[in-house]
Amino acid sequence: MASTGISATLQDVSTHVFSELPAELKQSCEACQNGPAAYRWMKQQTGVMEGRNRLICRVCASLIVLVGKPCGLRLR
């Protein structure tokens, strides 16, 4: 039985950056459209930031941390 090791390269590693929004901001989540936005989120990969910041709710932020993607948004 042969086994193949999978090693992550720098190109495969991504970091999710969250910035908390002020409580008085009254915009909805760009991912699910169900809750108020609580964080500004961007994905950073190999030193390059994703082109656009997204406003997301706490539920979608939790999904990003746990699963790697929010509901309703496709990650590339």
N, C-alpha and C. Protein backbone atom coordinates (compact mmCIF):
# COMPACT_ATOMS: atom_id res chain seq x y z
N MET A 1 0.84 -1.16 0.00
CA MET A 1 0.00 0.00 0.00
C MET A 1 0.89 1.23 0.00
N ALA A 2 0.73 2.08 -0.98
CA ALA A 2 1.55 3.28 -1.09
C ALA A 2 0.78 4.47 -0.51
N SER A 3 1.51 5.35 0.10
CA SER A 3 0.88 6.56 0.62
C SER A 3 1.57 7.78 0.01
N THR A 4 0.80 8.77 -0.21
CA THR A 4 1.33 10.00 -0.78
C THR A 4 1.14 11.12 0.22
N GLY A 5 2.20 11.83 0.53
CA GLY A 5 2.09 12.95 1.45
C GLY A 5 1.65 14.21 0.73
N ILE A 6 0.77 14.91 1.33
CA ILE A 6 0.33 16.19 0.77
C ILE A 6 0.90 17.28 1.64
N SER A 7 1.74 18.10 1.05
CA SER A 7 2.32 19.20 1.81
C SER A 7 1.79 20.52 1.26
N ALA A 8 1.44 21.39 2.14
CA ALA A 8 0.94 22.70 1.73
C ALA A 8 2.09 23.59 1.29
N THR A 9 1.93 24.20 0.15
CA THR A 9 2.92 25.16 -0.30
C THR A 9 2.45 26.55 0.08
N LEU A 10 3.29 27.52 -0.08
CA LEU A 10 2.91 28.88 0.24
C LEU A 10 1.73 29.35 -0.59
N GLN A 11 1.58 28.83 -1.80
CA GLN A 11 0.48 29.23 -2.66
C GLN A 11 -0.85 28.69 -2.15
N ASP A 12 -0.82 27.58 -1.39
CA ASP A 12 -2.04 26.96 -0.90
C ASP A 12 -2.51 27.54 0.43
N VAL A 13 -1.65 28.24 1.13
CA VAL A 13 -1.98 28.73 2.46
C VAL A 13 -2.67 30.08 2.34
N SER A 14 -3.82 30.19 2.98
CA SER A 14 -4.54 31.46 2.98
C SER A 14 -4.87 31.85 4.41
N THR A 15 -5.00 33.14 4.62
CA THR A 15 -5.32 33.70 5.92
C THR A 15 -6.56 34.56 5.78
N HIS A 16 -7.45 34.42 6.74
CA HIS A 16 -8.66 35.24 6.75
C HIS A 16 -8.47 36.37 7.75
N VAL A 17 -8.70 37.59 7.30
CA VAL A 17 -8.49 38.78 8.12
C VAL A 17 -9.85 39.39 8.44
N PHE A 18 -10.14 39.56 9.74
CA PHE A 18 -11.40 40.13 10.19
C PHE A 18 -11.14 41.45 10.90
N SER A 19 -11.95 42.45 10.62
CA SER A 19 -11.91 43.72 11.33
C SER A 19 -13.32 43.99 11.83
N GLU A 20 -13.47 44.21 13.13
CA GLU A 20 -14.79 44.44 13.69
C GLU A 20 -15.31 45.81 13.26
N LEU A 21 -16.57 45.86 12.90
CA LEU A 21 -17.21 47.10 12.47
C LEU A 21 -17.84 47.81 13.66
N PRO A 22 -18.00 49.13 13.59
CA PRO A 22 -18.69 49.84 14.68
C PRO A 22 -20.14 49.40 14.78
N ALA A 23 -20.67 49.37 15.99
CA ALA A 23 -22.03 48.89 16.24
C ALA A 23 -23.09 49.75 15.54
N GLU A 24 -22.81 51.01 15.31
CA GLU A 24 -23.81 51.89 14.69
C GLU A 24 -23.93 51.69 13.18
N LEU A 25 -23.06 50.92 12.57
CA LEU A 25 -23.16 50.64 11.14
C LEU A 25 -24.37 49.76 10.88
N LYS A 26 -25.24 50.16 10.00
CA LYS A 26 -26.50 49.46 9.75
C LYS A 26 -26.54 48.88 8.34
N GLN A 27 -25.58 48.02 8.01
CA GLN A 27 -25.59 47.36 6.71
C GLN A 27 -25.79 45.86 6.91
N SER A 28 -26.36 45.20 5.90
CA SER A 28 -26.60 43.77 6.03
C SER A 28 -25.40 42.98 5.52
N CYS A 29 -25.37 41.73 5.89
CA CYS A 29 -24.30 40.81 5.49
C CYS A 29 -24.32 40.63 3.98
N GLU A 30 -23.16 40.74 3.33
CA GLU A 30 -23.07 40.57 1.88
C GLU A 30 -23.12 39.11 1.47
N ALA A 31 -22.91 38.20 2.41
CA ALA A 31 -22.91 36.77 2.09
C ALA A 31 -24.30 36.17 2.16
N CYS A 32 -24.96 36.34 3.28
CA CYS A 32 -26.26 35.67 3.48
C CYS A 32 -27.44 36.61 3.40
N GLN A 33 -27.23 37.91 3.51
CA GLN A 33 -28.30 38.92 3.48
C GLN A 33 -29.32 38.75 4.60
N ASN A 34 -28.98 37.99 5.65
CA ASN A 34 -29.94 37.72 6.72
C ASN A 34 -29.66 38.49 8.00
N GLY A 35 -28.43 38.84 8.25
CA GLY A 35 -28.10 39.50 9.50
C GLY A 35 -27.35 40.79 9.29
N PRO A 36 -27.23 41.59 10.34
CA PRO A 36 -26.46 42.83 10.24
C PRO A 36 -24.96 42.53 10.16
N ALA A 37 -24.25 43.30 9.37
CA ALA A 37 -22.80 43.09 9.23
C ALA A 37 -22.10 43.43 10.54
N ALA A 38 -21.16 42.59 10.93
CA ALA A 38 -20.40 42.79 12.16
C ALA A 38 -18.90 42.89 11.89
N TYR A 39 -18.46 42.36 10.75
CA TYR A 39 -17.03 42.34 10.44
C TYR A 39 -16.78 42.72 8.99
N ARG A 40 -15.62 43.29 8.75
CA ARG A 40 -15.09 43.46 7.40
C ARG A 40 -14.13 42.29 7.22
N TRP A 41 -14.30 41.52 6.14
CA TRP A 41 -13.52 40.31 5.93
C TRP A 41 -12.78 40.37 4.61
N MET A 42 -11.55 39.91 4.61
CA MET A 42 -10.81 39.75 3.36
C MET A 42 -9.93 38.50 3.48
N LYS A 43 -9.68 37.88 2.37
CA LYS A 43 -8.85 36.69 2.31
C LYS A 43 -7.48 37.09 1.79
N GLN A 44 -6.43 36.68 2.50
CA GLN A 44 -5.07 36.99 2.09
C GLN A 44 -4.38 35.70 1.71
N GLN A 45 -3.79 35.67 0.51
CA GLN A 45 -3.10 34.48 0.05
C GLN A 45 -1.75 34.89 -0.53
N THR A 46 -0.71 34.29 -0.03
CA THR A 46 0.67 34.54 -0.45
C THR A 46 0.99 36.03 -0.57
N GLY A 47 0.59 36.79 0.44
CA GLY A 47 0.93 38.20 0.50
C GLY A 47 0.08 39.11 -0.35
N VAL A 48 -0.91 38.57 -1.04
CA VAL A 48 -1.78 39.38 -1.89
C VAL A 48 -3.18 39.37 -1.29
N MET A 49 -3.73 40.55 -1.04
CA MET A 49 -5.08 40.63 -0.49
C MET A 49 -6.10 40.42 -1.62
N GLU A 50 -7.21 39.78 -1.29
CA GLU A 50 -8.31 39.64 -2.23
C GLU A 50 -8.78 41.03 -2.61
N GLY A 51 -9.20 41.20 -3.83
CA GLY A 51 -9.52 42.51 -4.35
C GLY A 51 -10.56 43.30 -3.59
N ARG A 52 -11.48 42.68 -2.90
CA ARG A 52 -12.59 43.41 -2.31
C ARG A 52 -12.84 42.94 -0.89
N ASN A 53 -13.01 43.89 0.00
CA ASN A 53 -13.43 43.58 1.37
C ASN A 53 -14.91 43.26 1.33
N ARG A 54 -15.34 42.36 2.18
CA ARG A 54 -16.76 42.02 2.26
C ARG A 54 -17.26 42.25 3.67
N LEU A 55 -18.46 42.78 3.79
CA LEU A 55 -19.09 42.97 5.08
C LEU A 55 -19.88 41.70 5.40
N ILE A 56 -19.59 41.09 6.54
CA ILE A 56 -20.24 39.83 6.88
C ILE A 56 -20.78 39.86 8.31
N CYS A 57 -21.75 39.00 8.58
CA CYS A 57 -22.34 38.89 9.91
C CYS A 57 -21.52 37.92 10.76
N ARG A 58 -21.89 37.80 12.02
CA ARG A 58 -21.19 36.92 12.94
C ARG A 58 -21.33 35.45 12.56
N VAL A 59 -22.48 35.05 12.04
CA VAL A 59 -22.70 33.66 11.64
C VAL A 59 -21.77 33.30 10.48
N CYS A 60 -21.70 34.14 9.47
CA CYS A 60 -20.83 33.87 8.32
C CYS A 60 -19.36 33.90 8.73
N ALA A 61 -18.99 34.78 9.66
CA ALA A 61 -17.61 34.81 10.16
C ALA A 61 -17.29 33.50 10.87
N SER A 62 -18.23 32.97 11.62
CA SER A 62 -18.02 31.68 12.29
C SER A 62 -17.84 30.56 11.28
N LEU A 63 -18.64 30.59 10.20
CA LEU A 63 -18.50 29.57 9.17
C LEU A 63 -17.15 29.65 8.48
N ILE A 64 -16.64 30.86 8.28
CA ILE A 64 -15.32 31.01 7.66
C ILE A 64 -14.26 30.38 8.56
N VAL A 65 -14.35 30.62 9.85
CA VAL A 65 -13.36 30.08 10.79
C VAL A 65 -13.47 28.56 10.86
N LEU A 66 -14.69 28.03 10.92
CA LEU A 66 -14.89 26.60 11.11
C LEU A 66 -14.77 25.79 9.82
N VAL A 67 -15.36 26.30 8.72
CA VAL A 67 -15.46 25.53 7.50
C VAL A 67 -14.54 26.06 6.40
N GLY A 68 -14.20 27.33 6.46
CA GLY A 68 -13.35 27.92 5.44
C GLY A 68 -14.08 28.77 4.44
N LYS A 69 -15.42 28.82 4.52
CA LYS A 69 -16.18 29.69 3.61
C LYS A 69 -17.50 30.05 4.26
N PRO A 70 -18.00 31.24 3.95
CA PRO A 70 -19.31 31.65 4.48
C PRO A 70 -20.43 31.07 3.62
N CYS A 71 -21.62 31.08 4.13
CA CYS A 71 -22.76 30.64 3.32
C CYS A 71 -23.00 31.68 2.24
N GLY A 72 -23.32 31.22 1.05
CA GLY A 72 -23.68 32.14 -0.02
C GLY A 72 -22.52 32.69 -0.83
N LEU A 73 -21.29 32.59 -0.37
CA LEU A 73 -20.14 33.10 -1.13
C LEU A 73 -19.24 31.96 -1.55
N ARG A 74 -18.82 31.98 -2.78
CA ARG A 74 -17.85 30.98 -3.24
C ARG A 74 -16.46 31.55 -3.06
N LEU A 75 -15.56 30.76 -2.53
CA LEU A 75 -14.17 31.17 -2.41
C LEU A 75 -13.39 30.58 -3.55
N ARG A 76 -12.48 31.38 -4.08
CA ARG A 76 -11.66 30.89 -5.19
C ARG A 76 -10.38 30.30 -4.69
